[in-house]
Amino acid sequence: MREPEAESPEDFINYMKMEPAMFREVLIRLSERIRKETTRFRAPLEPGMKLAITLRSLATGESYHSLAFQFRVPHNTISLLVKEVCESIVEEFQAEVICTPTNAAAWKGLAIRFYSRWQLPHCLGAIDGKHVAIKCPSESGSMYHNYKGFFSIILLPVADADYKFIWTDVGANGATSDCAVFNRSNVHAAIEA
C-alpha cells in the first residue's frame, strides 16, 4: 500500500476507506499480532498486505475471488487471513473502543444521554441484529438457516445515544432470534442487576 499512499492520498482514502495515517496507526498496533515467521517453504504475507485485504473486504463486501485478483493472493488464503486480522482487531481495540457499562451509575448515565439527546426516557441503548450470510457449515443441518431463507450468523450490537457501540455479539447461529441472543448475553444480566 506504499505506492498508492505516496502517489495519491485521495485514491488511497477512496480505496481503503481510511486516511493513510490511520492505516499506519492500525498497522503498527496489529503488526505483531498478525506477523508470521518466514519458513523454509515460503515467505509470509506482510502485515500491511493482510490489513489492506481485510479492510477492503470489510469496506466493500467484495468476494474473496475478486480480492484475489486485486491483491494477487489466493482466495483460500484470503478466507483465512480476514478472520485472523478481524480477531486481532477485536483483541487490540475492544477495551478502548467498546466500553460496556459495568455499574448502575454508568447505565443511568446512558439513559440520561438518550433522554437529553433523543427525548427517549428509560432507554439504555439502540439494538439491532444483522444476519451475515455464510456457507452452510458441514453437518450443521438447519442450525444456521434463518427465517429469511439463507444460512447466516448473527451480528447483534448495542449502540449508545452517540452511535458508539457499547456491546456486540457475533457468531450466534442464524436460526436463533435476536431476543434469544440478547437474553443469553452478559449485558442482559448486567442490565437486570
N, C-alpha and C. Protein backbone atom coordinates (compact mmCIF):
# COMPACT_ATOMS: atom_id res chain seq x y z
N MET A 1 0.81 -1.20 0.00
CA MET A 1 0.00 0.00 0.00
C MET A 1 0.86 1.26 0.00
N ARG A 2 2.18 1.11 -0.06
CA ARG A 2 3.05 2.29 -0.04
C ARG A 2 2.89 3.14 -1.30
N GLU A 3 2.75 2.50 -2.45
CA GLU A 3 2.66 3.25 -3.71
C GLU A 3 1.41 4.12 -3.77
N PRO A 4 0.19 3.56 -3.53
CA PRO A 4 -0.98 4.43 -3.59
C PRO A 4 -0.93 5.56 -2.56
N GLU A 5 -0.37 5.25 -1.37
CA GLU A 5 -0.28 6.27 -0.34
C GLU A 5 0.62 7.41 -0.78
N ALA A 6 1.76 7.10 -1.38
CA ALA A 6 2.72 8.12 -1.79
C ALA A 6 2.26 8.88 -3.03
N GLU A 7 1.66 8.18 -3.99
CA GLU A 7 1.30 8.79 -5.25
C GLU A 7 0.01 9.61 -5.18
N SER A 8 -0.98 9.11 -4.46
CA SER A 8 -2.27 9.79 -4.43
C SER A 8 -3.03 9.47 -3.15
N PRO A 9 -2.84 10.29 -2.11
CA PRO A 9 -3.55 10.04 -0.85
C PRO A 9 -5.08 10.00 -1.01
N GLU A 10 -5.61 10.77 -1.96
CA GLU A 10 -7.06 10.76 -2.18
C GLU A 10 -7.52 9.40 -2.69
N ASP A 11 -6.75 8.81 -3.59
CA ASP A 11 -7.09 7.48 -4.09
C ASP A 11 -6.96 6.42 -2.99
N PHE A 12 -5.95 6.60 -2.14
CA PHE A 12 -5.77 5.68 -1.02
C PHE A 12 -7.02 5.72 -0.13
N ILE A 13 -7.48 6.92 0.21
CA ILE A 13 -8.66 7.08 1.05
C ILE A 13 -9.88 6.48 0.37
N ASN A 14 -10.04 6.72 -0.91
CA ASN A 14 -11.18 6.19 -1.65
C ASN A 14 -11.16 4.66 -1.68
N TYR A 15 -9.96 4.08 -1.81
CA TYR A 15 -9.84 2.63 -1.93
C TYR A 15 -9.93 1.93 -0.57
N MET A 16 -9.24 2.46 0.44
CA MET A 16 -9.18 1.81 1.75
C MET A 16 -10.25 2.30 2.72
N LYS A 17 -10.91 3.41 2.39
CA LYS A 17 -11.95 4.00 3.24
C LYS A 17 -11.38 4.50 4.57
N MET A 18 -10.11 4.86 4.57
CA MET A 18 -9.48 5.49 5.73
C MET A 18 -8.24 6.23 5.27
N GLU A 19 -7.85 7.21 6.06
CA GLU A 19 -6.68 8.02 5.73
C GLU A 19 -5.40 7.22 5.95
N PRO A 20 -4.34 7.56 5.20
CA PRO A 20 -3.08 6.83 5.35
C PRO A 20 -2.54 6.83 6.78
N ALA A 21 -2.67 7.94 7.49
CA ALA A 21 -2.17 8.00 8.87
C ALA A 21 -2.91 7.02 9.77
N MET A 22 -4.21 6.88 9.58
CA MET A 22 -5.00 5.93 10.37
C MET A 22 -4.61 4.50 10.02
N PHE A 23 -4.40 4.25 8.73
CA PHE A 23 -3.96 2.92 8.30
C PHE A 23 -2.64 2.56 8.97
N ARG A 24 -1.68 3.51 8.96
CA ARG A 24 -0.37 3.24 9.58
C ARG A 24 -0.51 2.99 11.07
N GLU A 25 -1.37 3.75 11.75
CA GLU A 25 -1.57 3.57 13.20
C GLU A 25 -2.13 2.18 13.50
N VAL A 26 -3.15 1.78 12.75
CA VAL A 26 -3.74 0.45 12.94
C VAL A 26 -2.70 -0.62 12.63
N LEU A 27 -1.94 -0.44 11.57
CA LEU A 27 -0.91 -1.41 11.19
C LEU A 27 0.15 -1.56 12.28
N ILE A 28 0.60 -0.46 12.85
CA ILE A 28 1.60 -0.51 13.91
C ILE A 28 1.08 -1.31 15.10
N ARG A 29 -0.18 -1.09 15.45
CA ARG A 29 -0.75 -1.77 16.61
C ARG A 29 -1.03 -3.24 16.36
N LEU A 30 -1.28 -3.61 15.10
CA LEU A 30 -1.62 -5.01 14.80
C LEU A 30 -0.45 -5.84 14.30
N SER A 31 0.62 -5.20 13.88
CA SER A 31 1.71 -5.92 13.20
C SER A 31 2.18 -7.15 13.95
N GLU A 32 2.46 -7.03 15.22
CA GLU A 32 2.99 -8.18 15.96
C GLU A 32 1.96 -9.31 16.08
N ARG A 33 0.69 -8.95 16.12
CA ARG A 33 -0.36 -9.97 16.23
C ARG A 33 -0.53 -10.76 14.94
N ILE A 34 -0.34 -10.10 13.81
CA ILE A 34 -0.65 -10.76 12.53
C ILE A 34 0.59 -11.16 11.73
N ARG A 35 1.76 -10.86 12.26
CA ARG A 35 3.00 -11.22 11.57
C ARG A 35 3.26 -12.72 11.73
N LYS A 36 3.69 -13.36 10.65
CA LYS A 36 4.08 -14.78 10.66
C LYS A 36 5.58 -14.87 10.39
N GLU A 37 6.18 -15.93 10.88
CA GLU A 37 7.60 -16.13 10.65
C GLU A 37 7.84 -16.74 9.28
N THR A 38 8.96 -16.38 8.70
CA THR A 38 9.35 -16.96 7.42
C THR A 38 9.81 -18.40 7.66
N THR A 39 9.33 -19.28 6.83
CA THR A 39 9.74 -20.68 6.92
C THR A 39 10.56 -21.03 5.69
N ARG A 40 11.09 -22.22 5.67
CA ARG A 40 11.87 -22.62 4.51
C ARG A 40 10.98 -22.93 3.30
N PHE A 41 9.67 -23.02 3.53
CA PHE A 41 8.74 -23.32 2.43
C PHE A 41 8.31 -22.07 1.67
N ARG A 42 8.06 -20.97 2.42
CA ARG A 42 7.63 -19.75 1.74
C ARG A 42 7.70 -18.55 2.68
N ALA A 43 7.74 -17.39 2.07
CA ALA A 43 7.72 -16.15 2.85
C ALA A 43 6.27 -15.79 3.15
N PRO A 44 5.98 -15.32 4.35
CA PRO A 44 4.60 -14.98 4.69
C PRO A 44 4.20 -13.63 4.09
N LEU A 45 2.92 -13.39 4.04
CA LEU A 45 2.42 -12.09 3.60
C LEU A 45 2.78 -11.05 4.66
N GLU A 46 3.10 -9.86 4.19
CA GLU A 46 3.41 -8.76 5.10
C GLU A 46 2.14 -8.34 5.86
N PRO A 47 2.27 -7.88 7.11
CA PRO A 47 1.10 -7.43 7.86
C PRO A 47 0.31 -6.33 7.15
N GLY A 48 1.00 -5.43 6.45
CA GLY A 48 0.31 -4.36 5.73
C GLY A 48 -0.60 -4.89 4.64
N MET A 49 -0.15 -5.93 3.95
CA MET A 49 -0.97 -6.56 2.91
C MET A 49 -2.19 -7.22 3.53
N LYS A 50 -1.97 -7.95 4.63
CA LYS A 50 -3.09 -8.60 5.31
C LYS A 50 -4.13 -7.58 5.77
N LEU A 51 -3.66 -6.48 6.35
CA LEU A 51 -4.59 -5.45 6.81
C LEU A 51 -5.33 -4.81 5.65
N ALA A 52 -4.63 -4.52 4.56
CA ALA A 52 -5.27 -3.91 3.39
C ALA A 52 -6.35 -4.81 2.81
N ILE A 53 -6.05 -6.09 2.68
CA ILE A 53 -7.04 -7.04 2.15
C ILE A 53 -8.26 -7.10 3.06
N THR A 54 -8.02 -7.16 4.36
CA THR A 54 -9.14 -7.25 5.31
C THR A 54 -9.99 -5.99 5.29
N LEU A 55 -9.35 -4.84 5.31
CA LEU A 55 -10.12 -3.59 5.30
C LEU A 55 -10.92 -3.43 4.02
N ARG A 56 -10.32 -3.82 2.90
CA ARG A 56 -11.04 -3.76 1.62
C ARG A 56 -12.24 -4.70 1.63
N SER A 57 -12.05 -5.89 2.19
CA SER A 57 -13.15 -6.85 2.30
C SER A 57 -14.28 -6.31 3.17
N LEU A 58 -13.92 -5.74 4.33
CA LEU A 58 -14.93 -5.21 5.24
C LEU A 58 -15.64 -3.98 4.67
N ALA A 59 -14.88 -3.13 3.98
CA ALA A 59 -15.44 -1.88 3.47
C ALA A 59 -16.36 -2.09 2.27
N THR A 60 -16.07 -3.11 1.46
CA THR A 60 -16.82 -3.26 0.21
C THR A 60 -17.69 -4.49 0.15
N GLY A 61 -17.35 -5.51 0.95
CA GLY A 61 -18.08 -6.77 0.86
C GLY A 61 -17.75 -7.55 -0.39
N GLU A 62 -16.65 -7.22 -1.05
CA GLU A 62 -16.25 -7.92 -2.26
C GLU A 62 -15.96 -9.39 -1.96
N SER A 63 -16.14 -10.22 -2.96
CA SER A 63 -15.87 -11.64 -2.79
C SER A 63 -14.37 -11.86 -2.65
N TYR A 64 -14.01 -12.97 -2.04
CA TYR A 64 -12.60 -13.32 -1.91
C TYR A 64 -11.95 -13.55 -3.27
N HIS A 65 -12.73 -14.03 -4.24
CA HIS A 65 -12.20 -14.22 -5.59
C HIS A 65 -11.85 -12.88 -6.22
N SER A 66 -12.69 -11.87 -6.02
CA SER A 66 -12.40 -10.54 -6.55
C SER A 66 -11.16 -9.95 -5.88
N LEU A 67 -11.08 -10.11 -4.55
CA LEU A 67 -9.90 -9.61 -3.83
C LEU A 67 -8.64 -10.34 -4.26
N ALA A 68 -8.78 -11.62 -4.60
CA ALA A 68 -7.62 -12.39 -5.04
C ALA A 68 -7.02 -11.78 -6.31
N PHE A 69 -7.85 -11.31 -7.23
CA PHE A 69 -7.35 -10.68 -8.45
C PHE A 69 -6.71 -9.33 -8.14
N GLN A 70 -7.29 -8.57 -7.22
CA GLN A 70 -6.76 -7.25 -6.90
C GLN A 70 -5.42 -7.31 -6.20
N PHE A 71 -5.28 -8.24 -5.26
CA PHE A 71 -4.08 -8.29 -4.43
C PHE A 71 -3.11 -9.41 -4.81
N ARG A 72 -3.50 -10.26 -5.77
CA ARG A 72 -2.67 -11.38 -6.22
C ARG A 72 -2.32 -12.32 -5.05
N VAL A 73 -3.37 -12.62 -4.27
CA VAL A 73 -3.27 -13.54 -3.14
C VAL A 73 -4.40 -14.56 -3.34
N PRO A 74 -4.13 -15.84 -3.20
CA PRO A 74 -5.18 -16.85 -3.43
C PRO A 74 -6.40 -16.64 -2.52
N HIS A 75 -7.59 -16.92 -3.07
CA HIS A 75 -8.83 -16.68 -2.32
C HIS A 75 -8.90 -17.52 -1.05
N ASN A 76 -8.35 -18.73 -1.07
CA ASN A 76 -8.39 -19.56 0.13
C ASN A 76 -7.49 -18.99 1.23
N THR A 77 -6.40 -18.34 0.86
CA THR A 77 -5.55 -17.66 1.83
C THR A 77 -6.27 -16.45 2.40
N ILE A 78 -6.96 -15.72 1.54
CA ILE A 78 -7.72 -14.55 1.99
C ILE A 78 -8.79 -14.96 2.99
N SER A 79 -9.45 -16.08 2.75
CA SER A 79 -10.50 -16.52 3.68
C SER A 79 -9.95 -16.77 5.07
N LEU A 80 -8.70 -17.19 5.17
CA LEU A 80 -8.08 -17.42 6.47
C LEU A 80 -7.56 -16.14 7.10
N LEU A 81 -6.93 -15.30 6.29
CA LEU A 81 -6.31 -14.11 6.87
C LEU A 81 -7.34 -13.06 7.29
N VAL A 82 -8.48 -12.96 6.61
CA VAL A 82 -9.50 -12.00 7.01
C VAL A 82 -10.00 -12.32 8.42
N LYS A 83 -10.23 -13.59 8.69
CA LYS A 83 -10.65 -13.99 10.03
C LYS A 83 -9.58 -13.67 11.06
N GLU A 84 -8.34 -14.00 10.74
CA GLU A 84 -7.22 -13.75 11.66
C GLU A 84 -7.08 -12.26 11.97
N VAL A 85 -7.13 -11.41 10.95
CA VAL A 85 -6.97 -9.98 11.16
C VAL A 85 -8.17 -9.40 11.92
N CYS A 86 -9.38 -9.85 11.61
CA CYS A 86 -10.55 -9.36 12.34
C CYS A 86 -10.45 -9.72 13.83
N GLU A 87 -10.03 -10.94 14.13
CA GLU A 87 -9.86 -11.34 15.53
C GLU A 87 -8.80 -10.48 16.21
N SER A 88 -7.74 -10.17 15.49
CA SER A 88 -6.68 -9.32 16.04
C SER A 88 -7.17 -7.90 16.29
N ILE A 89 -7.98 -7.38 15.39
CA ILE A 89 -8.55 -6.04 15.57
C ILE A 89 -9.41 -6.01 16.83
N VAL A 90 -10.23 -7.02 17.01
CA VAL A 90 -11.08 -7.07 18.20
C VAL A 90 -10.23 -7.13 19.46
N GLU A 91 -9.23 -8.03 19.48
CA GLU A 91 -8.37 -8.16 20.65
C GLU A 91 -7.64 -6.86 20.98
N GLU A 92 -7.16 -6.17 19.96
CA GLU A 92 -6.36 -4.96 20.17
C GLU A 92 -7.21 -3.75 20.58
N PHE A 93 -8.39 -3.59 19.97
CA PHE A 93 -9.13 -2.35 20.14
C PHE A 93 -10.38 -2.46 21.02
N GLN A 94 -10.79 -3.65 21.37
CA GLN A 94 -12.06 -3.82 22.08
C GLN A 94 -12.13 -3.03 23.38
N ALA A 95 -11.11 -3.10 24.19
CA ALA A 95 -11.15 -2.45 25.51
C ALA A 95 -11.28 -0.93 25.41
N GLU A 96 -10.71 -0.33 24.39
CA GLU A 96 -10.77 1.12 24.29
C GLU A 96 -11.91 1.63 23.40
N VAL A 97 -12.45 0.79 22.55
CA VAL A 97 -13.49 1.24 21.62
C VAL A 97 -14.89 0.86 22.10
N ILE A 98 -15.04 -0.35 22.58
CA ILE A 98 -16.35 -0.81 23.02
C ILE A 98 -16.35 -0.84 24.55
N CYS A 99 -16.97 0.17 25.14
CA CYS A 99 -16.96 0.32 26.60
C CYS A 99 -18.35 0.01 27.15
N THR A 100 -18.54 -1.22 27.57
CA THR A 100 -19.81 -1.64 28.15
C THR A 100 -19.87 -1.18 29.59
N PRO A 101 -20.95 -0.49 30.00
CA PRO A 101 -21.07 -0.06 31.40
C PRO A 101 -21.00 -1.25 32.35
N THR A 102 -20.40 -1.01 33.50
CA THR A 102 -20.22 -2.09 34.47
C THR A 102 -20.95 -1.87 35.78
N ASN A 103 -21.60 -0.70 35.92
CA ASN A 103 -22.34 -0.45 37.16
C ASN A 103 -23.61 0.34 36.88
N ALA A 104 -24.46 0.45 37.89
CA ALA A 104 -25.76 1.12 37.73
C ALA A 104 -25.61 2.58 37.35
N ALA A 105 -24.62 3.26 37.91
CA ALA A 105 -24.42 4.68 37.62
C ALA A 105 -24.09 4.89 36.13
N ALA A 106 -23.28 4.02 35.57
CA ALA A 106 -22.93 4.14 34.15
C ALA A 106 -24.15 3.90 33.26
N TRP A 107 -24.98 2.91 33.62
CA TRP A 107 -26.21 2.65 32.86
C TRP A 107 -27.15 3.84 32.95
N LYS A 108 -27.25 4.44 34.14
CA LYS A 108 -28.10 5.63 34.30
C LYS A 108 -27.58 6.79 33.47
N GLY A 109 -26.27 6.91 33.37
CA GLY A 109 -25.68 7.95 32.52
C GLY A 109 -26.08 7.77 31.06
N LEU A 110 -26.11 6.52 30.60
CA LEU A 110 -26.57 6.26 29.23
C LEU A 110 -28.02 6.68 29.04
N ALA A 111 -28.85 6.36 30.02
CA ALA A 111 -30.28 6.71 29.94
C ALA A 111 -30.46 8.23 29.92
N ILE A 112 -29.69 8.92 30.72
CA ILE A 112 -29.77 10.39 30.75
C ILE A 112 -29.37 10.96 29.39
N ARG A 113 -28.31 10.43 28.80
CA ARG A 113 -27.85 10.91 27.50
C ARG A 113 -28.89 10.65 26.41
N PHE A 114 -29.52 9.47 26.43
CA PHE A 114 -30.59 9.18 25.46
C PHE A 114 -31.75 10.16 25.63
N TYR A 115 -32.09 10.46 26.85
CA TYR A 115 -33.22 11.38 27.08
C TYR A 115 -32.86 12.80 26.64
N SER A 116 -31.66 13.25 26.97
CA SER A 116 -31.29 14.62 26.62
C SER A 116 -31.10 14.79 25.11
N ARG A 117 -30.60 13.77 24.45
CA ARG A 117 -30.34 13.90 23.01
C ARG A 117 -31.54 13.53 22.15
N TRP A 118 -32.28 12.49 22.53
CA TRP A 118 -33.34 11.97 21.67
C TRP A 118 -34.72 11.98 22.31
N GLN A 119 -34.84 12.49 23.52
CA GLN A 119 -36.11 12.53 24.25
C GLN A 119 -36.73 11.13 24.38
N LEU A 120 -35.88 10.16 24.64
CA LEU A 120 -36.31 8.79 24.87
C LEU A 120 -36.05 8.44 26.34
N PRO A 121 -37.08 8.48 27.16
CA PRO A 121 -36.86 8.16 28.58
C PRO A 121 -36.63 6.66 28.79
N HIS A 122 -35.84 6.32 29.78
CA HIS A 122 -35.59 4.93 30.19
C HIS A 122 -34.93 4.09 29.09
N CYS A 123 -34.24 4.71 28.15
CA CYS A 123 -33.57 3.99 27.07
C CYS A 123 -32.09 3.84 27.41
N LEU A 124 -31.59 2.62 27.33
CA LEU A 124 -30.19 2.36 27.65
C LEU A 124 -29.33 2.16 26.40
N GLY A 125 -29.96 1.87 25.27
CA GLY A 125 -29.20 1.64 24.04
C GLY A 125 -30.11 1.27 22.90
N ALA A 126 -29.57 1.43 21.71
CA ALA A 126 -30.29 1.02 20.50
C ALA A 126 -29.69 -0.32 20.06
N ILE A 127 -30.55 -1.29 19.82
CA ILE A 127 -30.09 -2.64 19.49
C ILE A 127 -30.73 -3.10 18.19
N ASP A 128 -29.94 -3.81 17.39
CA ASP A 128 -30.48 -4.39 16.17
C ASP A 128 -29.60 -5.55 15.75
N GLY A 129 -30.21 -6.55 15.17
CA GLY A 129 -29.49 -7.72 14.69
C GLY A 129 -29.32 -7.68 13.19
N LYS A 130 -28.23 -8.25 12.72
CA LYS A 130 -27.94 -8.34 11.29
C LYS A 130 -27.53 -9.77 10.98
N HIS A 131 -28.18 -10.36 10.00
CA HIS A 131 -27.81 -11.70 9.55
C HIS A 131 -26.70 -11.57 8.52
N VAL A 132 -25.54 -12.14 8.83
CA VAL A 132 -24.40 -12.12 7.93
C VAL A 132 -24.38 -13.47 7.20
N ALA A 133 -24.52 -13.42 5.89
CA ALA A 133 -24.60 -14.65 5.09
C ALA A 133 -23.31 -15.45 5.17
N ILE A 134 -23.45 -16.77 5.30
CA ILE A 134 -22.31 -17.69 5.33
C ILE A 134 -22.64 -18.90 4.48
N LYS A 135 -21.62 -19.70 4.18
CA LYS A 135 -21.85 -21.00 3.57
C LYS A 135 -22.28 -21.94 4.69
N CYS A 136 -23.14 -22.87 4.38
CA CYS A 136 -23.63 -23.80 5.39
C CYS A 136 -22.48 -24.63 5.95
N PRO A 137 -22.24 -24.55 7.26
CA PRO A 137 -21.19 -25.39 7.85
C PRO A 137 -21.55 -26.86 7.70
N SER A 138 -20.54 -27.69 7.49
CA SER A 138 -20.81 -29.11 7.29
C SER A 138 -21.45 -29.72 8.54
N GLU A 139 -22.38 -30.59 8.29
CA GLU A 139 -23.09 -31.33 9.32
C GLU A 139 -23.79 -30.44 10.35
N SER A 140 -24.25 -29.25 9.93
CA SER A 140 -24.95 -28.36 10.86
C SER A 140 -26.46 -28.43 10.70
N GLY A 141 -26.93 -29.16 9.68
CA GLY A 141 -28.36 -29.26 9.46
C GLY A 141 -28.96 -27.89 9.18
N SER A 142 -30.04 -27.58 9.89
CA SER A 142 -30.71 -26.29 9.68
C SER A 142 -30.35 -25.27 10.75
N MET A 143 -29.34 -25.57 11.56
CA MET A 143 -28.99 -24.70 12.68
C MET A 143 -28.68 -23.27 12.24
N TYR A 144 -28.02 -23.09 11.12
CA TYR A 144 -27.64 -21.76 10.65
C TYR A 144 -28.61 -21.20 9.62
N HIS A 145 -29.68 -21.93 9.30
CA HIS A 145 -30.66 -21.48 8.31
C HIS A 145 -31.65 -20.54 8.99
N ASN A 146 -31.72 -19.31 8.52
CA ASN A 146 -32.58 -18.32 9.18
C ASN A 146 -33.95 -18.21 8.50
N TYR A 147 -34.81 -17.41 9.09
CA TYR A 147 -36.17 -17.22 8.58
C TYR A 147 -36.21 -16.49 7.25
N LYS A 148 -35.10 -15.88 6.85
CA LYS A 148 -35.03 -15.17 5.58
C LYS A 148 -34.70 -16.11 4.42
N GLY A 149 -34.36 -17.36 4.75
CA GLY A 149 -34.14 -18.35 3.71
C GLY A 149 -32.69 -18.60 3.32
N PHE A 150 -31.73 -18.11 4.09
CA PHE A 150 -30.33 -18.40 3.79
C PHE A 150 -29.58 -18.72 5.08
N PHE A 151 -28.35 -19.18 4.94
CA PHE A 151 -27.53 -19.53 6.10
C PHE A 151 -26.80 -18.29 6.59
N SER A 152 -26.76 -18.12 7.92
CA SER A 152 -26.16 -16.91 8.46
C SER A 152 -25.68 -17.09 9.89
N ILE A 153 -24.85 -16.12 10.31
CA ILE A 153 -24.57 -15.92 11.72
C ILE A 153 -25.13 -14.55 12.06
N ILE A 154 -25.33 -14.30 13.35
CA ILE A 154 -25.96 -13.05 13.77
C ILE A 154 -24.93 -12.10 14.36
N LEU A 155 -24.99 -10.86 13.90
CA LEU A 155 -24.24 -9.75 14.48
C LEU A 155 -25.27 -8.93 15.24
N LEU A 156 -25.10 -8.81 16.57
CA LEU A 156 -26.06 -8.10 17.40
C LEU A 156 -25.33 -7.04 18.22
N PRO A 157 -25.36 -5.77 17.80
CA PRO A 157 -24.72 -4.72 18.58
C PRO A 157 -25.73 -3.85 19.34
N VAL A 158 -25.23 -3.20 20.38
CA VAL A 158 -25.98 -2.19 21.12
C VAL A 158 -25.18 -0.90 21.02
N ALA A 159 -25.84 0.19 20.64
CA ALA A 159 -25.16 1.48 20.49
C ALA A 159 -25.72 2.48 21.49
N ASP A 160 -24.89 3.45 21.88
CA ASP A 160 -25.35 4.49 22.80
C ASP A 160 -25.99 5.63 22.02
N ALA A 161 -26.33 6.70 22.70
CA ALA A 161 -27.03 7.82 22.08
C ALA A 161 -26.18 8.55 21.04
N ASP A 162 -24.87 8.34 21.08
CA ASP A 162 -23.97 9.00 20.14
C ASP A 162 -23.48 8.05 19.05
N TYR A 163 -24.22 6.96 18.82
CA TYR A 163 -23.94 5.98 17.76
C TYR A 163 -22.68 5.14 18.01
N LYS A 164 -22.19 5.10 19.23
CA LYS A 164 -20.99 4.32 19.53
C LYS A 164 -21.41 2.97 20.10
N PHE A 165 -20.75 1.91 19.64
CA PHE A 165 -21.05 0.58 20.15
C PHE A 165 -20.65 0.49 21.62
N ILE A 166 -21.55 -0.05 22.43
CA ILE A 166 -21.22 -0.32 23.83
C ILE A 166 -21.16 -1.81 24.10
N TRP A 167 -21.63 -2.60 23.16
CA TRP A 167 -21.59 -4.06 23.31
C TRP A 167 -21.89 -4.69 21.95
N THR A 168 -21.26 -5.83 21.68
CA THR A 168 -21.57 -6.60 20.46
C THR A 168 -21.50 -8.09 20.75
N ASP A 169 -22.27 -8.84 19.98
CA ASP A 169 -22.19 -10.29 19.99
C ASP A 169 -22.16 -10.72 18.53
N VAL A 170 -21.18 -11.54 18.19
CA VAL A 170 -21.06 -12.02 16.81
C VAL A 170 -20.91 -13.53 16.83
N GLY A 171 -21.67 -14.21 15.99
CA GLY A 171 -21.45 -15.63 15.81
C GLY A 171 -22.57 -16.56 16.18
N ALA A 172 -23.66 -16.06 16.76
CA ALA A 172 -24.79 -16.94 17.06
C ALA A 172 -25.34 -17.48 15.75
N ASN A 173 -25.84 -18.71 15.78
CA ASN A 173 -26.35 -19.29 14.54
C ASN A 173 -27.60 -18.57 14.06
N GLY A 174 -27.79 -18.56 12.75
CA GLY A 174 -28.86 -17.80 12.13
C GLY A 174 -30.27 -18.21 12.51
N ALA A 175 -30.46 -19.44 13.00
CA ALA A 175 -31.79 -19.87 13.40
C ALA A 175 -32.21 -19.28 14.74
N THR A 176 -31.28 -18.69 15.48
CA THR A 176 -31.57 -18.09 16.78
C THR A 176 -32.16 -16.70 16.58
N SER A 177 -33.10 -16.33 17.42
CA SER A 177 -33.68 -14.98 17.33
C SER A 177 -32.77 -13.97 18.02
N ASP A 178 -32.90 -12.70 17.63
CA ASP A 178 -32.14 -11.64 18.27
C ASP A 178 -32.41 -11.62 19.78
N CYS A 179 -33.66 -11.82 20.14
CA CYS A 179 -34.06 -11.80 21.54
C CYS A 179 -33.35 -12.91 22.33
N ALA A 180 -33.27 -14.09 21.76
CA ALA A 180 -32.61 -15.20 22.45
C ALA A 180 -31.11 -14.92 22.62
N VAL A 181 -30.48 -14.33 21.62
CA VAL A 181 -29.06 -13.99 21.73
C VAL A 181 -28.87 -12.97 22.85
N PHE A 182 -29.72 -11.95 22.87
CA PHE A 182 -29.60 -10.91 23.90
C PHE A 182 -29.88 -11.47 25.29
N ASN A 183 -30.90 -12.29 25.42
CA ASN A 183 -31.26 -12.83 26.73
C ASN A 183 -30.17 -13.73 27.32
N ARG A 184 -29.35 -14.35 26.48
CA ARG A 184 -28.25 -15.19 26.96
C ARG A 184 -26.97 -14.40 27.21
N SER A 185 -26.97 -13.12 26.91
CA SER A 185 -25.74 -12.33 26.96
C SER A 185 -25.40 -11.83 28.36
N ASN A 186 -24.14 -11.47 28.52
CA ASN A 186 -23.69 -10.88 29.78
C ASN A 186 -24.24 -9.47 29.96
N VAL A 187 -24.51 -8.76 28.88
CA VAL A 187 -25.05 -7.41 29.01
C VAL A 187 -26.49 -7.45 29.52
N HIS A 188 -27.25 -8.46 29.16
CA HIS A 188 -28.61 -8.60 29.67
C HIS A 188 -28.58 -8.79 31.18
N ALA A 189 -27.68 -9.63 31.63
CA ALA A 189 -27.54 -9.86 33.07
C ALA A 189 -27.10 -8.59 33.79
N ALA A 190 -26.22 -7.80 33.17
CA ALA A 190 -25.76 -6.55 33.78
C ALA A 190 -26.88 -5.53 33.90
N ILE A 191 -27.74 -5.46 32.89
CA ILE A 191 -28.87 -4.52 32.94
C ILE A 191 -29.87 -4.93 34.00
N GLU A 192 -30.12 -6.22 34.11
CA GLU A 192 -31.09 -6.73 35.08
C GLU A 192 -30.62 -6.53 36.52
N ALA A 193 -29.32 -6.50 36.73
CA ALA A 193 -28.76 -6.41 38.09
C ALA A 193 -28.96 -5.05 38.72
